[in-house]
Amino acid sequence: VMLLSDVDGLYDRDPAEPGAELVPVVRGISDEIRSMASPGS
C-alpha cells in the first residue's frame, strides 16, 4: 500500500527541530514508533 501524504513520511521528531530525521524503514510498530506519531510529537 502506498499512502500519498503531504509529508515525506514518519520523522523521529518534529521535522522543524534541528537533527530531525526521516525514518526510512519500520520493522514492526512498537511503542517507540507510536510515540513518534503521537499528536504531541
All heavy atoms as atom14 arrays in JSON, in Angstrom:
{
  "sequence": "VMLLSDVDGLYDRDPAEPGAELVPVVRGISDEIRSMASPGS",
  "atom14_mask": [
    [1, 1, 1, 1, 1, 1, 1, 0, 0, 0, 0, 0, 0, 0],
    [1, 1, 1, 1, 1, 1, 1, 1, 0, 0, 0, 0, 0, 0],
    [1, 1, 1, 1, 1, 1, 1, 1, 0, 0, 0, 0, 0, 0],
    [1, 1, 1, 1, 1, 1, 1, 1, 0, 0, 0, 0, 0, 0],
    [1, 1, 1, 1, 1, 1, 0, 0, 0, 0, 0, 0, 0, 0],
    [1, 1, 1, 1, 1, 1, 1, 1, 0, 0, 0, 0, 0, 0],
    [1, 1, 1, 1, 1, 1, 1, 0, 0, 0, 0, 0, 0, 0],
    [1, 1, 1, 1, 1, 1, 1, 1, 0, 0, 0, 0, 0, 0],
    [1, 1, 1, 1, 0, 0, 0, 0, 0, 0, 0, 0, 0, 0],
    [1, 1, 1, 1, 1, 1, 1, 1, 0, 0, 0, 0, 0, 0],
    [1, 1, 1, 1, 1, 1, 1, 1, 1, 1, 1, 1, 0, 0],
    [1, 1, 1, 1, 1, 1, 1, 1, 0, 0, 0, 0, 0, 0],
    [1, 1, 1, 1, 1, 1, 1, 1, 1, 1, 1, 0, 0, 0],
    [1, 1, 1, 1, 1, 1, 1, 1, 0, 0, 0, 0, 0, 0],
    [1, 1, 1, 1, 1, 1, 1, 0, 0, 0, 0, 0, 0, 0],
    [1, 1, 1, 1, 1, 0, 0, 0, 0, 0, 0, 0, 0, 0],
    [1, 1, 1, 1, 1, 1, 1, 1, 1, 0, 0, 0, 0, 0],
    [1, 1, 1, 1, 1, 1, 1, 0, 0, 0, 0, 0, 0, 0],
    [1, 1, 1, 1, 0, 0, 0, 0, 0, 0, 0, 0, 0, 0],
    [1, 1, 1, 1, 1, 0, 0, 0, 0, 0, 0, 0, 0, 0],
    [1, 1, 1, 1, 1, 1, 1, 1, 1, 0, 0, 0, 0, 0],
    [1, 1, 1, 1, 1, 1, 1, 1, 0, 0, 0, 0, 0, 0],
    [1, 1, 1, 1, 1, 1, 1, 0, 0, 0, 0, 0, 0, 0],
    [1, 1, 1, 1, 1, 1, 1, 0, 0, 0, 0, 0, 0, 0],
    [1, 1, 1, 1, 1, 1, 1, 0, 0, 0, 0, 0, 0, 0],
    [1, 1, 1, 1, 1, 1, 1, 0, 0, 0, 0, 0, 0, 0],
    [1, 1, 1, 1, 1, 1, 1, 1, 1, 1, 1, 0, 0, 0],
    [1, 1, 1, 1, 0, 0, 0, 0, 0, 0, 0, 0, 0, 0],
    [1, 1, 1, 1, 1, 1, 1, 1, 0, 0, 0, 0, 0, 0],
    [1, 1, 1, 1, 1, 1, 0, 0, 0, 0, 0, 0, 0, 0],
    [1, 1, 1, 1, 1, 1, 1, 1, 0, 0, 0, 0, 0, 0],
    [1, 1, 1, 1, 1, 1, 1, 1, 1, 0, 0, 0, 0, 0],
    [1, 1, 1, 1, 1, 1, 1, 1, 0, 0, 0, 0, 0, 0],
    [1, 1, 1, 1, 1, 1, 1, 1, 1, 1, 1, 0, 0, 0],
    [1, 1, 1, 1, 1, 1, 0, 0, 0, 0, 0, 0, 0, 0],
    [1, 1, 1, 1, 1, 1, 1, 1, 0, 0, 0, 0, 0, 0],
    [1, 1, 1, 1, 1, 0, 0, 0, 0, 0, 0, 0, 0, 0],
    [1, 1, 1, 1, 1, 1, 0, 0, 0, 0, 0, 0, 0, 0],
    [1, 1, 1, 1, 1, 1, 1, 0, 0, 0, 0, 0, 0, 0],
    [1, 1, 1, 1, 0, 0, 0, 0, 0, 0, 0, 0, 0, 0],
    [1, 1, 1, 1, 1, 1, 0, 0, 0, 0, 0, 0, 0, 0]
  ],
  "atom14_positions": [
    [[0.87, -1.18, 0.0], [0.0, 0.0, 0.0], [0.91, 1.23, 0.0], [1.9, 1.27, 0.72], [-0.89, 0.05, 1.26], [-1.78, 1.28, 1.23], [-1.71, -1.2, 1.39], [0.0, 0.0, 0.0], [0.0, 0.0, 0.0], [0.0, 0.0, 0.0], [0.0, 0.0, 0.0], [0.0, 0.0, 0.0], [0.0, 0.0, 0.0], [0.0, 0.0, 0.0]],
    [[0.54, 2.22, -0.81], [1.26, 3.49, -0.79], [0.27, 4.6, -0.45], [-0.7, 4.81, -1.17], [1.94, 3.77, -2.14], [2.73, 5.08, -2.16], [3.61, 5.36, -3.73], [4.91, 4.12, -3.63], [0.0, 0.0, 0.0], [0.0, 0.0, 0.0], [0.0, 0.0, 0.0], [0.0, 0.0, 0.0], [0.0, 0.0, 0.0], [0.0, 0.0, 0.0]],
    [[0.52, 5.28, 0.67], [-0.31, 6.4, 1.08], [0.37, 7.69, 0.63], [1.47, 8.0, 1.08], [-0.48, 6.42, 2.6], [-1.0, 5.15, 3.28], [-1.07, 5.36, 4.79], [-2.34, 4.73, 2.72], [0.0, 0.0, 0.0], [0.0, 0.0, 0.0], [0.0, 0.0, 0.0], [0.0, 0.0, 0.0], [0.0, 0.0, 0.0], [0.0, 0.0, 0.0]],
    [[-0.28, 8.41, -0.28], [0.25, 9.71, -0.69], [-0.18, 10.74, 0.35], [-1.37, 10.94, 0.6], [-0.28, 10.1, -2.07], [0.12, 9.19, -3.23], [-0.43, 9.73, -4.54], [1.63, 9.02, -3.31], [0.0, 0.0, 0.0], [0.0, 0.0, 0.0], [0.0, 0.0, 0.0], [0.0, 0.0, 0.0], [0.0, 0.0, 0.0], [0.0, 0.0, 0.0]],
    [[0.8, 11.42, 0.94], [0.54, 12.34, 2.04], [1.09, 13.72, 1.7], [1.58, 13.95, 0.59], [1.18, 11.8, 3.32], [0.94, 12.63, 4.43], [0.0, 0.0, 0.0], [0.0, 0.0, 0.0], [0.0, 0.0, 0.0], [0.0, 0.0, 0.0], [0.0, 0.0, 0.0], [0.0, 0.0, 0.0], [0.0, 0.0, 0.0], [0.0, 0.0, 0.0]],
    [[1.0, 14.65, 2.66], [1.57, 15.98, 2.45], [2.92, 16.11, 3.13], [3.45, 17.21, 3.26], [0.61, 17.06, 2.95], [0.25, 16.91, 4.42], [0.69, 15.92, 5.05], [-0.48, 17.77, 4.95], [0.0, 0.0, 0.0], [0.0, 0.0, 0.0], [0.0, 0.0, 0.0], [0.0, 0.0, 0.0], [0.0, 0.0, 0.0], [0.0, 0.0, 0.0]],
    [[3.48, 15.0, 3.59], [4.8, 14.98, 4.22], [5.61, 13.83, 3.61], [5.07, 12.96, 2.92], [4.71, 14.8, 5.75], [4.07, 16.02, 6.4], [3.95, 13.54, 6.09], [0.0, 0.0, 0.0], [0.0, 0.0, 0.0], [0.0, 0.0, 0.0], [0.0, 0.0, 0.0], [0.0, 0.0, 0.0], [0.0, 0.0, 0.0], [0.0, 0.0, 0.0]],
    [[6.91, 13.83, 3.88], [7.79, 12.81, 3.3], [7.62, 11.44, 3.95], [7.99, 10.42, 3.35], [9.25, 13.24, 3.43], [9.58, 14.43, 2.55], [8.9, 14.61, 1.52], [10.51, 15.2, 2.89], [0.0, 0.0, 0.0], [0.0, 0.0, 0.0], [0.0, 0.0, 0.0], [0.0, 0.0, 0.0], [0.0, 0.0, 0.0], [0.0, 0.0, 0.0]],
    [[7.09, 11.39, 5.16], [6.95, 10.12, 5.87], [6.96, 10.37, 7.36], [6.58, 11.45, 7.83], [0.0, 0.0, 0.0], [0.0, 0.0, 0.0], [0.0, 0.0, 0.0], [0.0, 0.0, 0.0], [0.0, 0.0, 0.0], [0.0, 0.0, 0.0], [0.0, 0.0, 0.0], [0.0, 0.0, 0.0], [0.0, 0.0, 0.0], [0.0, 0.0, 0.0]],
    [[7.41, 9.38, 8.11], [7.48, 9.47, 9.57], [8.85, 9.98, 9.99], [9.88, 9.41, 9.61], [7.21, 8.1, 10.19], [7.35, 8.02, 11.72], [6.25, 8.83, 12.4], [7.31, 6.56, 12.17], [0.0, 0.0, 0.0], [0.0, 0.0, 0.0], [0.0, 0.0, 0.0], [0.0, 0.0, 0.0], [0.0, 0.0, 0.0], [0.0, 0.0, 0.0]],
    [[8.86, 11.05, 10.77], [10.11, 11.57, 11.33], [10.25, 11.14, 12.78], [9.25, 10.86, 13.46], [10.13, 13.11, 11.25], [10.45, 13.64, 9.87], [9.46, 13.74, 8.9], [11.74, 14.03, 9.54], [9.74, 14.22, 7.63], [12.04, 14.51, 8.28], [11.04, 14.6, 7.32], [11.33, 15.07, 6.07], [0.0, 0.0, 0.0], [0.0, 0.0, 0.0]],
    [[11.49, 11.11, 13.25], [11.72, 10.69, 14.63], [11.34, 11.76, 15.64], [11.3, 11.51, 16.84], [13.18, 10.25, 14.84], [14.18, 11.36, 14.57], [13.77, 12.45, 14.11], [15.38, 11.14, 14.82], [0.0, 0.0, 0.0], [0.0, 0.0, 0.0], [0.0, 0.0, 0.0], [0.0, 0.0, 0.0], [0.0, 0.0, 0.0], [0.0, 0.0, 0.0]],
    [[11.05, 12.97, 15.14], [10.61, 14.08, 15.98], [10.04, 15.14, 15.06], [9.94, 14.93, 13.85], [11.78, 14.64, 16.8], [12.82, 15.38, 15.97], [14.14, 15.55, 16.67], [14.91, 14.31, 16.58], [16.17, 14.2, 16.97], [16.78, 15.23, 17.53], [16.83, 13.07, 16.82], [0.0, 0.0, 0.0], [0.0, 0.0, 0.0], [0.0, 0.0, 0.0]],
    [[9.65, 16.28, 15.61], [9.14, 17.39, 14.81], [10.16, 17.72, 13.72], [11.32, 18.01, 14.03], [8.91, 18.61, 15.71], [8.26, 19.77, 14.97], [8.3, 19.79, 13.72], [7.74, 20.67, 15.64], [0.0, 0.0, 0.0], [0.0, 0.0, 0.0], [0.0, 0.0, 0.0], [0.0, 0.0, 0.0], [0.0, 0.0, 0.0], [0.0, 0.0, 0.0]],
    [[9.76, 17.66, 12.44], [10.72, 17.93, 11.36], [11.35, 19.32, 11.44], [12.43, 19.54, 10.87], [9.86, 17.81, 10.09], [8.71, 16.97, 10.49], [8.44, 17.28, 11.93], [0.0, 0.0, 0.0], [0.0, 0.0, 0.0], [0.0, 0.0, 0.0], [0.0, 0.0, 0.0], [0.0, 0.0, 0.0], [0.0, 0.0, 0.0], [0.0, 0.0, 0.0]],
    [[10.7, 20.26, 12.13], [11.27, 21.6, 12.26], [12.42, 21.65, 13.25], [13.2, 22.61, 13.27], [10.18, 22.59, 12.7], [0.0, 0.0, 0.0], [0.0, 0.0, 0.0], [0.0, 0.0, 0.0], [0.0, 0.0, 0.0], [0.0, 0.0, 0.0], [0.0, 0.0, 0.0], [0.0, 0.0, 0.0], [0.0, 0.0, 0.0], [0.0, 0.0, 0.0]],
    [[12.56, 20.62, 14.07], [13.63, 20.61, 15.07], [14.97, 20.25, 14.41], [15.02, 19.42, 13.51], [13.34, 19.59, 16.17], [12.19, 19.96, 17.09], [12.02, 18.95, 18.21], [12.96, 18.14, 18.43], [10.97, 18.97, 18.87], [0.0, 0.0, 0.0], [0.0, 0.0, 0.0], [0.0, 0.0, 0.0], [0.0, 0.0, 0.0], [0.0, 0.0, 0.0]],
    [[16.05, 20.88, 14.87], [17.38, 20.52, 14.34], [17.67, 19.04, 14.57], [17.4, 18.5, 15.64], [18.33, 21.4, 15.17], [17.48, 22.54, 15.65], [16.11, 21.96, 15.87], [0.0, 0.0, 0.0], [0.0, 0.0, 0.0], [0.0, 0.0, 0.0], [0.0, 0.0, 0.0], [0.0, 0.0, 0.0], [0.0, 0.0, 0.0], [0.0, 0.0, 0.0]],
    [[18.19, 18.39, 13.55], [18.56, 16.99, 13.68], [17.44, 16.01, 13.45], [17.65, 14.79, 13.55], [0.0, 0.0, 0.0], [0.0, 0.0, 0.0], [0.0, 0.0, 0.0], [0.0, 0.0, 0.0], [0.0, 0.0, 0.0], [0.0, 0.0, 0.0], [0.0, 0.0, 0.0], [0.0, 0.0, 0.0], [0.0, 0.0, 0.0], [0.0, 0.0, 0.0]],
    [[16.24, 16.49, 13.14], [15.12, 15.58, 12.87], [15.44, 14.72, 11.64], [15.93, 15.23, 10.64], [13.84, 16.37, 12.65], [0.0, 0.0, 0.0], [0.0, 0.0, 0.0], [0.0, 0.0, 0.0], [0.0, 0.0, 0.0], [0.0, 0.0, 0.0], [0.0, 0.0, 0.0], [0.0, 0.0, 0.0], [0.0, 0.0, 0.0], [0.0, 0.0, 0.0]],
    [[15.16, 13.44, 11.74], [15.49, 12.52, 10.65], [14.26, 11.72, 10.22], [13.46, 11.29, 11.04], [16.59, 11.55, 11.09], [17.93, 12.23, 11.37], [19.02, 11.23, 11.72], [18.71, 10.0, 11.72], [20.15, 11.65, 11.98], [0.0, 0.0, 0.0], [0.0, 0.0, 0.0], [0.0, 0.0, 0.0], [0.0, 0.0, 0.0], [0.0, 0.0, 0.0]],
    [[14.16, 11.55, 8.91], [13.11, 10.71, 8.35], [13.44, 9.25, 8.67], [14.59, 8.83, 8.55], [13.03, 10.91, 6.83], [11.97, 10.13, 6.07], [10.58, 10.65, 6.42], [12.21, 10.22, 4.57], [0.0, 0.0, 0.0], [0.0, 0.0, 0.0], [0.0, 0.0, 0.0], [0.0, 0.0, 0.0], [0.0, 0.0, 0.0], [0.0, 0.0, 0.0]],
    [[12.43, 8.5, 9.1], [12.63, 7.08, 9.38], [12.32, 6.3, 8.1], [11.17, 6.21, 7.7], [11.69, 6.61, 10.52], [11.91, 5.14, 10.82], [11.9, 7.46, 11.77], [0.0, 0.0, 0.0], [0.0, 0.0, 0.0], [0.0, 0.0, 0.0], [0.0, 0.0, 0.0], [0.0, 0.0, 0.0], [0.0, 0.0, 0.0], [0.0, 0.0, 0.0]],
    [[13.33, 5.76, 7.42], [13.08, 5.14, 6.11], [12.36, 3.8, 6.18], [11.56, 3.48, 5.3], [14.49, 4.98, 5.52], [15.39, 4.93, 6.7], [14.76, 5.78, 7.75], [0.0, 0.0, 0.0], [0.0, 0.0, 0.0], [0.0, 0.0, 0.0], [0.0, 0.0, 0.0], [0.0, 0.0, 0.0], [0.0, 0.0, 0.0], [0.0, 0.0, 0.0]],
    [[12.66, 3.0, 7.21], [12.07, 1.66, 7.32], [11.65, 1.41, 8.76], [12.4, 1.7, 9.69], [13.08, 0.56, 6.88], [12.47, -0.83, 7.08], [13.49, 0.75, 5.43], [0.0, 0.0, 0.0], [0.0, 0.0, 0.0], [0.0, 0.0, 0.0], [0.0, 0.0, 0.0], [0.0, 0.0, 0.0], [0.0, 0.0, 0.0], [0.0, 0.0, 0.0]],
    [[10.44, 0.89, 8.92], [9.94, 0.49, 10.24], [9.66, -1.0, 10.19], [8.86, -1.47, 9.38], [8.66, 1.25, 10.62], [8.09, 0.73, 11.94], [8.94, 2.75, 10.73], [0.0, 0.0, 0.0], [0.0, 0.0, 0.0], [0.0, 0.0, 0.0], [0.0, 0.0, 0.0], [0.0, 0.0, 0.0], [0.0, 0.0, 0.0], [0.0, 0.0, 0.0]],
    [[10.31, -1.75, 11.06], [10.12, -3.2, 11.12], [9.26, -3.54, 12.33], [9.76, -3.9, 13.39], [11.47, -3.92, 11.19], [12.29, -3.8, 9.9], [13.64, -4.45, 10.02], [14.33, -4.47, 8.74], [15.05, -3.44, 8.27], [15.15, -2.32, 8.99], [15.64, -3.53, 7.1], [0.0, 0.0, 0.0], [0.0, 0.0, 0.0], [0.0, 0.0, 0.0]],
    [[7.98, -3.37, 12.18], [7.05, -3.65, 13.27], [6.79, -2.41, 14.09], [7.71, -1.7, 14.48], [0.0, 0.0, 0.0], [0.0, 0.0, 0.0], [0.0, 0.0, 0.0], [0.0, 0.0, 0.0], [0.0, 0.0, 0.0], [0.0, 0.0, 0.0], [0.0, 0.0, 0.0], [0.0, 0.0, 0.0], [0.0, 0.0, 0.0], [0.0, 0.0, 0.0]],
    [[5.52, -2.13, 14.33], [5.15, -0.92, 15.07], [5.24, -1.18, 16.56], [4.53, -2.03, 17.11], [3.73, -0.47, 14.67], [3.72, -0.07, 13.2], [3.27, 0.7, 15.54], [2.38, 0.31, 12.66], [0.0, 0.0, 0.0], [0.0, 0.0, 0.0], [0.0, 0.0, 0.0], [0.0, 0.0, 0.0], [0.0, 0.0, 0.0], [0.0, 0.0, 0.0]],
    [[6.12, -0.46, 17.21], [6.37, -0.59, 18.65], [5.84, 0.64, 19.37], [5.38, 1.61, 18.74], [7.88, -0.72, 18.89], [8.54, 0.46, 18.42], [0.0, 0.0, 0.0], [0.0, 0.0, 0.0], [0.0, 0.0, 0.0], [0.0, 0.0, 0.0], [0.0, 0.0, 0.0], [0.0, 0.0, 0.0], [0.0, 0.0, 0.0], [0.0, 0.0, 0.0]],
    [[5.94, 0.64, 20.69], [5.53, 1.82, 21.47], [6.39, 3.02, 21.09], [5.92, 4.16, 21.09], [5.65, 1.53, 22.96], [4.58, 0.55, 23.45], [3.56, 0.41, 22.75], [4.78, -0.06, 24.51], [0.0, 0.0, 0.0], [0.0, 0.0, 0.0], [0.0, 0.0, 0.0], [0.0, 0.0, 0.0], [0.0, 0.0, 0.0], [0.0, 0.0, 0.0]],
    [[7.67, 2.77, 20.76], [8.55, 3.87, 20.35], [8.06, 4.51, 19.06], [8.03, 5.74, 18.93], [9.98, 3.34, 20.15], [10.96, 4.42, 19.72], [12.35, 3.85, 19.42], [12.51, 2.61, 19.45], [13.25, 4.65, 19.16], [0.0, 0.0, 0.0], [0.0, 0.0, 0.0], [0.0, 0.0, 0.0], [0.0, 0.0, 0.0], [0.0, 0.0, 0.0]],
    [[7.65, 3.69, 18.1], [7.12, 4.21, 16.83], [5.82, 4.96, 17.08], [5.58, 6.04, 16.51], [6.92, 3.07, 15.83], [8.28, 2.44, 15.46], [6.22, 3.58, 14.57], [9.25, 3.38, 14.8], [0.0, 0.0, 0.0], [0.0, 0.0, 0.0], [0.0, 0.0, 0.0], [0.0, 0.0, 0.0], [0.0, 0.0, 0.0], [0.0, 0.0, 0.0]],
    [[4.96, 4.41, 17.93], [3.7, 5.09, 18.24], [3.95, 6.46, 18.85], [3.23, 7.41, 18.59], [2.84, 4.24, 19.18], [2.29, 2.98, 18.52], [1.31, 2.27, 19.44], [0.88, 1.01, 18.86], [1.47, -0.17, 19.1], [2.51, -0.22, 19.91], [1.04, -1.27, 18.52], [0.0, 0.0, 0.0], [0.0, 0.0, 0.0], [0.0, 0.0, 0.0]],
    [[4.98, 6.57, 19.69], [5.26, 7.85, 20.32], [5.72, 8.88, 19.29], [5.46, 10.08, 19.45], [6.34, 7.68, 21.4], [7.6, 7.39, 20.82], [0.0, 0.0, 0.0], [0.0, 0.0, 0.0], [0.0, 0.0, 0.0], [0.0, 0.0, 0.0], [0.0, 0.0, 0.0], [0.0, 0.0, 0.0], [0.0, 0.0, 0.0], [0.0, 0.0, 0.0]],
    [[6.38, 8.44, 18.22], [6.79, 9.37, 17.17], [5.58, 9.97, 16.45], [5.64, 11.1, 15.95], [7.66, 8.65, 16.14], [9.0, 8.2, 16.63], [9.92, 7.35, 15.31], [11.3, 6.68, 16.26], [0.0, 0.0, 0.0], [0.0, 0.0, 0.0], [0.0, 0.0, 0.0], [0.0, 0.0, 0.0], [0.0, 0.0, 0.0], [0.0, 0.0, 0.0]],
    [[4.5, 9.21, 16.39], [3.32, 9.65, 15.66], [2.21, 10.15, 16.57], [1.09, 10.35, 16.14], [2.77, 8.51, 14.81], [0.0, 0.0, 0.0], [0.0, 0.0, 0.0], [0.0, 0.0, 0.0], [0.0, 0.0, 0.0], [0.0, 0.0, 0.0], [0.0, 0.0, 0.0], [0.0, 0.0, 0.0], [0.0, 0.0, 0.0], [0.0, 0.0, 0.0]],
    [[2.53, 10.36, 17.85], [1.51, 10.87, 18.76], [1.19, 12.31, 18.43], [2.01, 13.03, 17.86], [2.01, 10.76, 20.21], [3.09, 11.65, 20.42], [0.0, 0.0, 0.0], [0.0, 0.0, 0.0], [0.0, 0.0, 0.0], [0.0, 0.0, 0.0], [0.0, 0.0, 0.0], [0.0, 0.0, 0.0], [0.0, 0.0, 0.0], [0.0, 0.0, 0.0]],
    [[-0.02, 12.79, 18.78], [-0.4, 14.17, 18.46], [0.58, 15.2, 18.99], [0.8, 16.24, 18.38], [-1.78, 14.3, 19.12], [-2.32, 12.92, 19.14], [-1.13, 12.03, 19.39], [0.0, 0.0, 0.0], [0.0, 0.0, 0.0], [0.0, 0.0, 0.0], [0.0, 0.0, 0.0], [0.0, 0.0, 0.0], [0.0, 0.0, 0.0], [0.0, 0.0, 0.0]],
    [[1.22, 14.91, 20.12], [2.13, 15.88, 20.69], [3.51, 15.87, 20.07], [4.31, 16.78, 20.3], [0.0, 0.0, 0.0], [0.0, 0.0, 0.0], [0.0, 0.0, 0.0], [0.0, 0.0, 0.0], [0.0, 0.0, 0.0], [0.0, 0.0, 0.0], [0.0, 0.0, 0.0], [0.0, 0.0, 0.0], [0.0, 0.0, 0.0], [0.0, 0.0, 0.0]],
    [[3.81, 14.84, 19.27], [5.17, 14.71, 18.75], [5.42, 15.59, 17.54], [6.54, 15.94, 17.23], [5.45, 13.26, 18.37], [4.75, 12.91, 17.18], [0.0, 0.0, 0.0], [0.0, 0.0, 0.0], [0.0, 0.0, 0.0], [0.0, 0.0, 0.0], [0.0, 0.0, 0.0], [0.0, 0.0, 0.0], [0.0, 0.0, 0.0], [0.0, 0.0, 0.0]]
  ]
}
